[in-house]
PDB file of N, CA and C in Angstrom:
ATOM      1  N   UNK A   1      53.628  14.996 -43.903  1.00  0.00           N
ATOM      2  CA  UNK A   1      52.520  14.401 -43.167  1.00  0.00           C
ATOM      3  C   UNK A   1      52.245  15.266 -41.944  1.00  0.00           C
ATOM      4  N   UNK A   2      50.984  15.644 -41.765  1.00  0.00           N
ATOM      5  CA  UNK A   2      50.574  16.408 -40.583  1.00  0.00           C
ATOM      6  C   UNK A   2      49.345  15.738 -39.987  1.00  0.00           C
ATOM      7  N   UNK A   3      49.405  15.480 -38.681  1.00  0.00           N
ATOM      8  CA  UNK A   3      48.236  15.011 -37.941  1.00  0.00           C
ATOM      9  C   UNK A   3      47.714  16.190 -37.144  1.00  0.00           C
ATOM     10  N   UNK A   4      46.468  16.574 -37.367  1.00  0.00           N
ATOM     11  CA  UNK A   4      45.883  17.730 -36.716  1.00  0.00           C
ATOM     12  C   UNK A   4      44.805  17.286 -35.749  1.00  0.00           C
ATOM     13  N   UNK A   5      45.001  17.598 -34.481  1.00  0.00           N
ATOM     14  CA  UNK A   5      43.963  17.405 -33.471  1.00  0.00           C
ATOM     15  C   UNK A   5      43.502  18.805 -33.106  1.00  0.00           C
ATOM     16  N   UNK A   6      42.492  19.274 -33.806  1.00  0.00           N
ATOM     17  CA  UNK A   6      42.109  20.683 -33.754  1.00  0.00           C
ATOM     18  C   UNK A   6      41.450  21.074 -32.442  1.00  0.00           C
ATOM     19  N   UNK A   7      41.178  22.368 -32.340  1.00  0.00           N
ATOM     20  CA  UNK A   7      40.572  22.945 -31.130  1.00  0.00           C
ATOM     21  C   UNK A   7      39.106  22.571 -30.981  1.00  0.00           C
ATOM     22  N   UNK A   8      38.489  22.090 -32.042  1.00  0.00           N
ATOM     23  CA  UNK A   8      37.092  21.659 -32.026  1.00  0.00           C
ATOM     24  C   UNK A   8      36.096  22.807 -31.842  1.00  0.00           C
ATOM     25  N   UNK A   9      36.543  24.040 -32.060  1.00  0.00           N
ATOM     26  CA  UNK A   9      35.670  25.201 -31.995  1.00  0.00           C
ATOM     27  C   UNK A   9      35.446  25.718 -33.408  1.00  0.00           C
ATOM     28  N   UNK A  10      34.197  26.060 -33.732  1.00  0.00           N
ATOM     29  CA  UNK A  10      33.888  26.552 -35.069  1.00  0.00           C
ATOM     30  C   UNK A  10      34.766  27.761 -35.385  1.00  0.00           C
ATOM     31  N   UNK A  11      35.334  27.754 -36.557  1.00  0.00           N
ATOM     32  CA  UNK A  11      36.222  28.820 -36.988  1.00  0.00           C
ATOM     33  C   UNK A  11      37.669  28.542 -36.653  1.00  0.00           C
ATOM     34  N   UNK A  12      37.943  28.089 -35.444  1.00  0.00           N
ATOM     35  CA  UNK A  12      39.311  27.752 -35.057  1.00  0.00           C
ATOM     36  C   UNK A  12      39.799  26.527 -35.817  1.00  0.00           C
ATOM     37  N   UNK A  13      38.916  25.560 -35.979  1.00  0.00           N
ATOM     38  CA  UNK A  13      39.285  24.359 -36.731  1.00  0.00           C
ATOM     39  C   UNK A  13      39.593  24.719 -38.174  1.00  0.00           C
ATOM     40  N   UNK A  14      38.799  25.595 -38.770  1.00  0.00           N
ATOM     41  CA  UNK A  14      39.043  26.033 -40.146  1.00  0.00           C
ATOM     42  C   UNK A  14      40.400  26.715 -40.258  1.00  0.00           C
ATOM     43  N   UNK A  15      40.717  27.580 -39.322  1.00  0.00           N
ATOM     44  CA  UNK A  15      42.005  28.261 -39.320  1.00  0.00           C
ATOM     45  C   UNK A  15      43.148  27.249 -39.215  1.00  0.00           C
ATOM     46  N   UNK A  16      43.015  26.281 -38.329  1.00  0.00           N
ATOM     47  CA  UNK A  16      44.065  25.277 -38.136  1.00  0.00           C
ATOM     48  C   UNK A  16      44.230  24.397 -39.379  1.00  0.00           C
ATOM     49  N   UNK A  17      43.126  23.988 -39.992  1.00  0.00           N
ATOM     50  CA  UNK A  17      43.205  23.175 -41.209  1.00  0.00           C
ATOM     51  C   UNK A  17      43.893  23.982 -42.314  1.00  0.00           C
ATOM     52  N   UNK A  18      43.494  25.240 -42.467  1.00  0.00           N
ATOM     53  CA  UNK A  18      44.072  26.085 -43.511  1.00  0.00           C
ATOM     54  C   UNK A  18      45.573  26.273 -43.316  1.00  0.00           C
ATOM     55  N   UNK A  19      45.977  26.548 -42.099  1.00  0.00           N
ATOM     56  CA  UNK A  19      47.406  26.750 -41.817  1.00  0.00           C
ATOM     57  C   UNK A  19      48.190  25.460 -42.029  1.00  0.00           C
ATOM     58  N   UNK A  20      47.649  24.358 -41.563  1.00  0.00           N
ATOM     59  CA  UNK A  20      48.344  23.076 -41.715  1.00  0.00           C
ATOM     60  C   UNK A  20      48.470  22.702 -43.185  1.00  0.00           C
ATOM     61  N   UNK A  21      47.415  22.941 -43.959  1.00  0.00           N
ATOM     62  CA  UNK A  21      47.449  22.583 -45.374  1.00  0.00           C
ATOM     63  C   UNK A  21      48.506  23.390 -46.114  1.00  0.00           C
ATOM     64  N   UNK A  22      48.684  24.649 -45.705  1.00  0.00           N
ATOM     65  CA  UNK A  22      49.720  25.485 -46.326  1.00  0.00           C
ATOM     66  C   UNK A  22      51.124  24.947 -46.078  1.00  0.00           C
ATOM     67  N   UNK A  23      51.300  24.264 -44.966  1.00  0.00           N
ATOM     68  CA  UNK A  23      52.617  23.706 -44.643  1.00  0.00           C
ATOM     69  C   UNK A  23      52.951  22.458 -45.453  1.00  0.00           C
ATOM     70  N   UNK A  24      51.938  21.828 -46.023  1.00  0.00           N
ATOM     71  CA  UNK A  24      52.154  20.588 -46.771  1.00  0.00           C
ATOM     72  C   UNK A  24      52.842  20.859 -48.095  1.00  0.00           C
ATOM     73  N   UNK A  25      53.756  19.991 -48.452  1.00  0.00           N
ATOM     74  CA  UNK A  25      54.315  20.015 -49.789  1.00  0.00           C
ATOM     75  C   UNK A  25      53.408  19.232 -50.723  1.00  0.00           C
ATOM     76  N   UNK A  26      53.718  19.296 -52.008  1.00  0.00           N
ATOM     77  CA  UNK A  26      52.961  18.521 -52.990  1.00  0.00           C
ATOM     78  C   UNK A  26      53.041  17.051 -52.595  1.00  0.00           C
ATOM     79  N   UNK A  27      51.910  16.389 -52.575  1.00  0.00           N
ATOM     80  CA  UNK A  27      51.860  14.990 -52.175  1.00  0.00           C
ATOM     81  C   UNK A  27      51.780  14.791 -50.672  1.00  0.00           C
ATOM     82  N   UNK A  28      51.796  15.889 -49.905  1.00  0.00           N
ATOM     83  CA  UNK A  28      51.690  15.782 -48.451  1.00  0.00           C
ATOM     84  C   UNK A  28      50.299  15.341 -48.036  1.00  0.00           C
ATOM     85  N   UNK A  29      50.203  14.846 -46.819  1.00  0.00           N
ATOM     86  CA  UNK A  29      48.929  14.328 -46.317  1.00  0.00           C
ATOM     87  C   UNK A  29      48.600  15.006 -44.998  1.00  0.00           C
ATOM     88  N   UNK A  30      47.390  15.531 -44.900  1.00  0.00           N
ATOM     89  CA  UNK A  30      46.861  16.128 -43.682  1.00  0.00           C
ATOM     90  C   UNK A  30      45.800  15.192 -43.133  1.00  0.00           C
ATOM     91  N   UNK A  31      45.980  14.767 -41.900  1.00  0.00           N
ATOM     92  CA  UNK A  31      45.074  13.812 -41.262  1.00  0.00           C
ATOM     93  C   UNK A  31      44.507  14.463 -40.009  1.00  0.00           C
ATOM     94  N   UNK A  32      43.250  14.219 -39.743  1.00  0.00           N
ATOM     95  CA  UNK A  32      42.640  14.721 -38.529  1.00  0.00           C
ATOM     96  C   UNK A  32      41.656  13.722 -37.965  1.00  0.00           C
ATOM     97  N   UNK A  33      41.066  14.100 -36.846  1.00  0.00           N
ATOM     98  CA  UNK A  33      40.095  13.213 -36.212  1.00  0.00           C
ATOM     99  C   UNK A  33      38.883  14.019 -35.759  1.00  0.00           C
ATOM    100  N   UNK A  34      38.001  13.360 -35.068  1.00  0.00           N
ATOM    101  CA  UNK A  34      36.813  13.975 -34.479  1.00  0.00           C
ATOM    102  C   UNK A  34      35.871  14.589 -35.513  1.00  0.00           C
ATOM    103  N   UNK A  35      35.737  13.933 -36.651  1.00  0.00           N
ATOM    104  CA  UNK A  35      34.800  14.392 -37.671  1.00  0.00           C
ATOM    105  C   UNK A  35      33.366  14.341 -37.150  1.00  0.00           C
ATOM    106  N   UNK A  36      33.148  13.616 -36.077  1.00  0.00           N
ATOM    107  CA  UNK A  36      31.818  13.548 -35.493  1.00  0.00           C
ATOM    108  C   UNK A  36      31.492  14.791 -34.648  1.00  0.00           C
ATOM    109  N   UNK A  37      32.456  15.693 -34.438  1.00  0.00           N
ATOM    110  CA  UNK A  37      32.199  16.970 -33.769  1.00  0.00           C
ATOM    111  C   UNK A  37      31.624  17.925 -34.820  1.00  0.00           C
ATOM    112  N   UNK A  38      30.487  18.555 -34.564  1.00  0.00           N
ATOM    113  CA  UNK A  38      29.870  19.439 -35.565  1.00  0.00           C
ATOM    114  C   UNK A  38      30.796  20.552 -36.066  1.00  0.00           C
ATOM    115  N   UNK A  39      31.574  21.168 -35.185  1.00  0.00           N
ATOM    116  CA  UNK A  39      32.471  22.256 -35.606  1.00  0.00           C
ATOM    117  C   UNK A  39      33.570  21.738 -36.529  1.00  0.00           C
ATOM    118  N   UNK A  40      34.091  20.566 -36.240  1.00  0.00           N
ATOM    119  CA  UNK A  40      35.149  19.982 -37.082  1.00  0.00           C
ATOM    120  C   UNK A  40      34.583  19.653 -38.452  1.00  0.00           C
ATOM    121  N   UNK A  41      33.431  18.989 -38.492  1.00  0.00           N
ATOM    122  CA  UNK A  41      32.826  18.638 -39.773  1.00  0.00           C
ATOM    123  C   UNK A  41      32.484  19.886 -40.581  1.00  0.00           C
ATOM    124  N   UNK A  42      31.890  20.877 -39.938  1.00  0.00           N
ATOM    125  CA  UNK A  42      31.500  22.104 -40.618  1.00  0.00           C
ATOM    126  C   UNK A  42      32.716  22.846 -41.174  1.00  0.00           C
ATOM    127  N   UNK A  43      33.762  22.977 -40.378  1.00  0.00           N
ATOM    128  CA  UNK A  43      34.954  23.697 -40.825  1.00  0.00           C
ATOM    129  C   UNK A  43      35.717  22.917 -41.894  1.00  0.00           C
ATOM    130  N   UNK A  44      35.719  21.609 -41.816  1.00  0.00           N
ATOM    131  CA  UNK A  44      36.354  20.817 -42.866  1.00  0.00           C
ATOM    132  C   UNK A  44      35.609  20.999 -44.184  1.00  0.00           C
ATOM    133  N   UNK A  45      34.285  20.969 -44.135  1.00  0.00           N
ATOM    134  CA  UNK A  45      33.489  21.193 -45.342  1.00  0.00           C
ATOM    135  C   UNK A  45      33.739  22.600 -45.894  1.00  0.00           C
ATOM    136  N   UNK A  46      33.843  23.599 -45.005  1.00  0.00           N
ATOM    137  CA  UNK A  46      34.108  24.967 -45.445  1.00  0.00           C
ATOM    138  C   UNK A  46      35.478  25.049 -46.113  1.00  0.00           C
ATOM    139  N   UNK A  47      36.462  24.375 -45.558  1.00  0.00           N
ATOM    140  CA  UNK A  47      37.795  24.368 -46.165  1.00  0.00           C
ATOM    141  C   UNK A  47      37.754  23.744 -47.554  1.00  0.00           C
ATOM    142  N   UNK A  48      37.045  22.648 -47.682  1.00  0.00           N
ATOM    143  CA  UNK A  48      36.991  21.957 -48.972  1.00  0.00           C
ATOM    144  C   UNK A  48      36.289  22.791 -50.041  1.00  0.00           C
ATOM    145  N   UNK A  49      35.438  23.717 -49.638  1.00  0.00           N
ATOM    146  CA  UNK A  49      34.784  24.598 -50.604  1.00  0.00           C
ATOM    147  C   UNK A  49      35.777  25.540 -51.274  1.00  0.00           C
ATOM    148  N   UNK A  50      36.837  25.887 -50.566  1.00  0.00           N
ATOM    149  CA  UNK A  50      37.810  26.857 -51.075  1.00  0.00           C
ATOM    150  C   UNK A  50      39.205  26.272 -51.216  1.00  0.00           C
ATOM    151  N   UNK A  51      39.360  24.988 -50.947  1.00  0.00           N
ATOM    152  CA  UNK A  51      40.679  24.362 -50.918  1.00  0.00           C
ATOM    153  C   UNK A  51      41.306  24.290 -52.298  1.00  0.00           C
ATOM    154  N   UNK A  52      42.639  24.313 -52.330  1.00  0.00           N
ATOM    155  CA  UNK A  52      43.316  24.002 -53.590  1.00  0.00           C
ATOM    156  C   UNK A  52      43.034  22.541 -53.947  1.00  0.00           C
ATOM    157  N   UNK A  53      43.565  22.099 -55.059  1.00  0.00           N
ATOM    158  CA  UNK A  53      43.331  20.717 -55.485  1.00  0.00           C
ATOM    159  C   UNK A  53      43.695  19.730 -54.384  1.00  0.00           C
ATOM    160  N   UNK A  54      42.753  18.869 -54.070  1.00  0.00           N
ATOM    161  CA  UNK A  54      42.988  17.796 -53.113  1.00  0.00           C
ATOM    162  C   UNK A  54      42.467  16.508 -53.719  1.00  0.00           C
ATOM    163  N   UNK A  55      42.986  15.409 -53.248  1.00  0.00           N
ATOM    164  CA  UNK A  55      42.535  14.096 -53.703  1.00  0.00           C
ATOM    165  C   UNK A  55      41.868  13.395 -52.536  1.00  0.00           C
ATOM    166  N   UNK A  56      40.878  12.589 -52.808  1.00  0.00           N
ATOM    167  CA  UNK A  56      40.170  11.914 -51.733  1.00  0.00           C
ATOM    168  C   UNK A  56      39.741  10.522 -52.114  1.00  0.00           C
ATOM    169  N   UNK A  57      38.867   9.967 -51.327  1.00  0.00           N
ATOM    170  CA  UNK A  57      38.390   8.600 -51.542  1.00  0.00           C
ATOM    171  C   UNK A  57      36.932   8.620 -51.970  1.00  0.00           C
ATOM    172  N   UNK A  58      36.388   7.468 -52.183  1.00  0.00           N
ATOM    173  CA  UNK A  58      35.007   7.393 -52.648  1.00  0.00           C
ATOM    174  C   UNK A  58      34.090   6.761 -51.607  1.00  0.00           C
ATOM    175  N   UNK A  59      34.042   7.370 -50.440  1.00  0.00           N
ATOM    176  CA  UNK A  59      33.114   6.962 -49.402  1.00  0.00           C
ATOM    177  C   UNK A  59      31.704   7.340 -49.854  1.00  0.00           C
ATOM    178  N   UNK A  60      30.783   6.390 -49.862  1.00  0.00           N
ATOM    179  CA  UNK A  60      29.430   6.648 -50.353  1.00  0.00           C
ATOM    180  C   UNK A  60      28.733   7.779 -49.599  1.00  0.00           C
ATOM    181  N   UNK A  61      28.935   7.841 -48.293  1.00  0.00           N
ATOM    182  CA  UNK A  61      28.240   8.820 -47.464  1.00  0.00           C
ATOM    183  C   UNK A  61      28.678  10.245 -47.786  1.00  0.00           C
ATOM    184  N   UNK A  62      29.964  10.433 -48.032  1.00  0.00           N
ATOM    185  CA  UNK A  62      30.493  11.780 -48.226  1.00  0.00           C
ATOM    186  C   UNK A  62      31.094  11.990 -49.607  1.00  0.00           C
ATOM    187  N   UNK A  63      30.659  11.222 -50.574  1.00  0.00           N
ATOM    188  CA  UNK A  63      31.236  11.277 -51.915  1.00  0.00           C
ATOM    189  C   UNK A  63      31.082  12.643 -52.565  1.00  0.00           C
ATOM    190  N   UNK A  64      30.125  13.422 -52.145  1.00  0.00           N
ATOM    191  CA  UNK A  64      29.914  14.730 -52.766  1.00  0.00           C
ATOM    192  C   UNK A  64      30.942  15.768 -52.324  1.00  0.00           C
ATOM    193  N   UNK A  65      31.743  15.450 -51.314  1.00  0.00           N
ATOM    194  CA  UNK A  65      32.758  16.390 -50.842  1.00  0.00           C
ATOM    195  C   UNK A  65      34.104  16.046 -51.457  1.00  0.00           C
ATOM    196  N   UNK A  66      34.595  16.857 -52.402  1.00  0.00           N
ATOM    197  CA  UNK A  66      35.884  16.537 -53.020  1.00  0.00           C
ATOM    198  C   UNK A  66      37.006  16.611 -52.004  1.00  0.00           C
ATOM    199  N   UNK A  67      37.923  15.682 -52.072  1.00  0.00           N
ATOM    200  CA  UNK A  67      39.101  15.711 -51.218  1.00  0.00           C
ATOM    201  C   UNK A  67      38.917  15.129 -49.836  1.00  0.00           C
ATOM    202  N   UNK A  68      37.761  14.551 -49.554  1.00  0.00           N
ATOM    203  CA  UNK A  68      37.506  14.056 -48.206  1.00  0.00           C
ATOM    204  C   UNK A  68      37.524  12.542 -48.174  1.00  0.00           C
ATOM    205  N   UNK A  69      38.305  11.999 -47.283  1.00  0.00           N
ATOM    206  CA  UNK A  69      38.296  10.564 -47.012  1.00  0.00           C
ATOM    207  C   UNK A  69      37.761  10.391 -45.606  1.00  0.00           C
ATOM    208  N   UNK A  70      36.613   9.785 -45.485  1.00  0.00           N
ATOM    209  CA  UNK A  70      35.979   9.583 -44.190  1.00  0.00           C
ATOM    210  C   UNK A  70      36.177   8.149 -43.740  1.00  0.00           C
ATOM    211  N   UNK A  71      36.596   7.989 -42.514  1.00  0.00           N
ATOM    212  CA  UNK A  71      36.740   6.657 -41.933  1.00  0.00           C
ATOM    213  C   UNK A  71      35.731   6.527 -40.795  1.00  0.00           C
ATOM    214  N   UNK A  72      35.214   5.338 -40.538  1.00  0.00           N
ATOM    215  CA  UNK A  72      34.183   5.156 -39.524  1.00  0.00           C
ATOM    216  C   UNK A  72      34.590   5.626 -38.126  1.00  0.00           C
ATOM    217  N   UNK A  73      35.872   5.679 -37.840  1.00  0.00           N
ATOM    218  CA  UNK A  73      36.319   6.101 -36.515  1.00  0.00           C
ATOM    219  C   UNK A  73      36.339   7.615 -36.360  1.00  0.00           C
ATOM    220  N   UNK A  74      35.906   8.347 -37.384  1.00  0.00           N
ATOM    221  CA  UNK A  74      35.861   9.807 -37.283  1.00  0.00           C
ATOM    222  C   UNK A  74      37.133  10.478 -37.750  1.00  0.00           C
ATOM    223  N   UNK A  75      37.946   9.797 -38.547  1.00  0.00           N
ATOM    224  CA  UNK A  75      39.160  10.384 -39.071  1.00  0.00           C
ATOM    225  C   UNK A  75      38.938  10.874 -40.485  1.00  0.00           C
ATOM    226  N   UNK A  76      39.730  11.836 -40.888  1.00  0.00           N
ATOM    227  CA  UNK A  76      39.654  12.362 -42.235  1.00  0.00           C
ATOM    228  C   UNK A  76      41.060  12.583 -42.755  1.00  0.00           C
ATOM    229  N   UNK A  77      41.207  12.575 -44.082  1.00  0.00           N
ATOM    230  CA  UNK A  77      42.510  12.720 -44.725  1.00  0.00           C
ATOM    231  C   UNK A  77      42.364  13.641 -45.930  1.00  0.00           C
ATOM    232  N   UNK A  78      43.260  14.597 -46.067  1.00  0.00           N
ATOM    233  CA  UNK A  78      43.367  15.417 -47.271  1.00  0.00           C
ATOM    234  C   UNK A  78      44.726  15.150 -47.887  1.00  0.00           C
ATOM    235  N   UNK A  79      44.746  14.835 -49.139  1.00  0.00           N
ATOM    236  CA  UNK A  79      45.981  14.520 -49.850  1.00  0.00           C
ATOM    237  C   UNK A  79      46.260  15.656 -50.823  1.00  0.00           C
ATOM    238  N   UNK A  80      47.351  16.397 -50.572  1.00  0.00           N
ATOM    239  CA  UNK A  80      47.677  17.571 -51.403  1.00  0.00           C
ATOM    240  C   UNK A  80      48.174  17.151 -52.767  1.00  0.00           C
TER     241      UNK A  80
END
């Protein structure tokens, strides 16, 4: 389990998500916040474009993004 409170800067968030995801074992969970920050949302979407297999939820708003679980408070979860 990793909770990531990223730098919130475009590119830096992507780097942090990528590094954290590499540390996860199979079945590990990466959780973050501040999805309402444009850089965080953009970098998370960029990661999901190239991410290894991830599992997610079926949030109607973001259902087109594989591996993304969006919560109304701005949190996100990637399940390895």
